[in-house]
């Protein structure tokens, strides 16, 4: 088992022995609004390092979340947006859209 270093905005804050589970848990918490949607996380397996970025000024783009091969953006949700029943913020808040940076891609 390999110990992986965890950094936030370039500062070492700890380690984990379960990097994949750690990254998935952070993403799940971001998608459920337990953590800010402005957070991005990347696991560099070749270096045994996880980087979490929260600093401003990063170029980020919206992506549709896909779980178990299914898009979270359904036809019903698209209709609700078109009808004005849902706004962009709602898509983020409901875990349908998230912003990622180049590191997380």
Protein backbone atom coordinates (compact mmCIF):
# COMPACT_ATOMS: atom_id res chain seq x y z
CA UNK A 1 0.00 0.00 0.00
CA UNK A 2 1.34 3.41 -0.98
CA UNK A 3 0.90 6.57 1.04
CA UNK A 4 -0.23 9.50 -1.10
CA UNK A 5 0.45 13.13 -0.17
CA UNK A 6 -2.50 15.53 -0.21
CA UNK A 7 -2.03 19.22 -1.03
CA UNK A 8 -4.46 22.14 -0.89
CA UNK A 9 -3.44 25.07 -3.09
CA UNK A 10 0.13 23.75 -3.10
CA UNK A 11 0.45 23.27 0.68
CA UNK A 12 0.92 19.76 2.05
CA UNK A 13 -1.93 19.06 4.48
CA UNK A 14 -1.69 15.31 5.03
CA UNK A 15 -1.65 11.86 3.48
CA UNK A 16 -4.03 9.06 2.56
CA UNK A 17 -3.60 5.35 1.98
CA UNK A 18 -6.77 5.20 -0.11
CA UNK A 19 -6.36 7.88 -2.79
CA UNK A 20 -9.09 6.74 -5.19
CA UNK A 21 -11.68 6.54 -2.39
CA UNK A 22 -10.54 9.92 -1.05
CA UNK A 23 -10.91 11.60 -4.45
CA UNK A 24 -14.33 10.02 -5.05
CA UNK A 25 -15.53 11.09 -1.60
CA UNK A 26 -14.41 14.69 -2.17
CA UNK A 27 -16.15 14.76 -5.57
CA UNK A 28 -19.33 13.30 -4.06
CA UNK A 29 -19.31 15.93 -1.32
CA UNK A 30 -18.76 18.67 -3.89
CA UNK A 31 -21.67 17.40 -5.98
CA UNK A 32 -23.95 17.24 -2.92
CA UNK A 33 -22.95 20.77 -1.84
CA UNK A 34 -21.17 19.62 1.32
CA UNK A 35 -18.04 21.20 -0.20
CA UNK A 36 -17.84 24.28 -2.40
CA UNK A 37 -18.45 23.77 -6.11
CA UNK A 38 -15.34 25.91 -6.69
CA UNK A 39 -13.08 23.09 -5.49
CA UNK A 40 -11.19 20.88 -7.94
CA UNK A 41 -9.28 17.71 -7.12
CA UNK A 42 -6.76 15.67 -9.10
CA UNK A 43 -4.89 12.45 -8.28
CA UNK A 44 -1.47 12.11 -9.91
CA UNK A 45 -0.90 8.39 -9.54
CA UNK A 46 2.58 8.50 -11.06
CA UNK A 47 3.73 10.93 -8.34
CA UNK A 48 1.53 9.61 -5.52
CA UNK A 49 0.07 13.07 -4.97
CA UNK A 50 -3.44 14.52 -4.72
CA UNK A 51 -3.91 18.22 -5.41
CA UNK A 52 -6.98 20.15 -4.29
CA UNK A 53 -7.39 23.64 -5.72
CA UNK A 54 -9.72 26.32 -4.36
CA UNK A 55 -7.80 29.44 -5.30
CA UNK A 56 -9.44 32.08 -7.50
CA UNK A 57 -8.50 32.81 -11.08
CA UNK A 58 -8.36 29.24 -12.38
CA UNK A 59 -9.87 28.68 -15.80
CA UNK A 60 -12.78 26.28 -15.31
CA UNK A 61 -15.53 24.99 -17.54
CA UNK A 62 -18.91 23.41 -16.91
CA UNK A 63 -19.45 19.73 -17.63
CA UNK A 64 -22.48 17.49 -17.31
CA UNK A 65 -22.09 14.85 -14.61
CA UNK A 66 -22.38 11.24 -15.79
CA UNK A 67 -23.00 8.49 -13.24
CA UNK A 68 -23.09 4.81 -14.13
CA UNK A 69 -23.02 5.75 -17.81
CA UNK A 70 -26.10 7.98 -17.55
CA UNK A 71 -26.17 11.74 -17.97
CA UNK A 72 -27.61 13.60 -15.00
CA UNK A 73 -28.98 16.14 -17.51
CA UNK A 74 -32.22 14.50 -18.65
CA UNK A 75 -34.77 15.66 -21.21
CA UNK A 76 -37.10 16.52 -18.33
CA UNK A 77 -34.48 18.80 -16.78
CA UNK A 78 -33.77 20.43 -20.15
CA UNK A 79 -37.50 21.15 -20.48
CA UNK A 80 -37.57 22.64 -16.98
CA UNK A 81 -34.68 24.95 -17.87
CA UNK A 82 -36.37 25.95 -21.14
CA UNK A 83 -39.58 26.72 -19.22
CA UNK A 84 -37.69 28.78 -16.65
CA UNK A 85 -38.47 26.36 -13.83
CA UNK A 86 -34.77 25.68 -13.27
CA UNK A 87 -31.82 28.05 -13.49
CA UNK A 88 -28.11 27.43 -14.06
CA UNK A 89 -27.45 27.61 -10.32
CA UNK A 90 -30.04 24.87 -9.78
CA UNK A 91 -28.15 22.59 -12.16
CA UNK A 92 -25.00 23.06 -10.09
CA UNK A 93 -26.81 22.82 -6.75
CA UNK A 94 -28.60 19.61 -7.79
CA UNK A 95 -25.39 17.91 -8.94
CA UNK A 96 -26.25 17.92 -12.64
CA UNK A 97 -23.48 20.27 -13.79
CA UNK A 98 -20.09 20.85 -12.21
CA UNK A 99 -17.12 23.04 -13.02
CA UNK A 100 -13.73 21.45 -13.53
CA UNK A 101 -10.33 22.90 -14.30
CA UNK A 102 -7.68 21.59 -16.67
CA UNK A 103 -6.04 19.62 -13.86
CA UNK A 104 -9.20 17.66 -13.08
CA UNK A 105 -9.91 16.81 -16.71
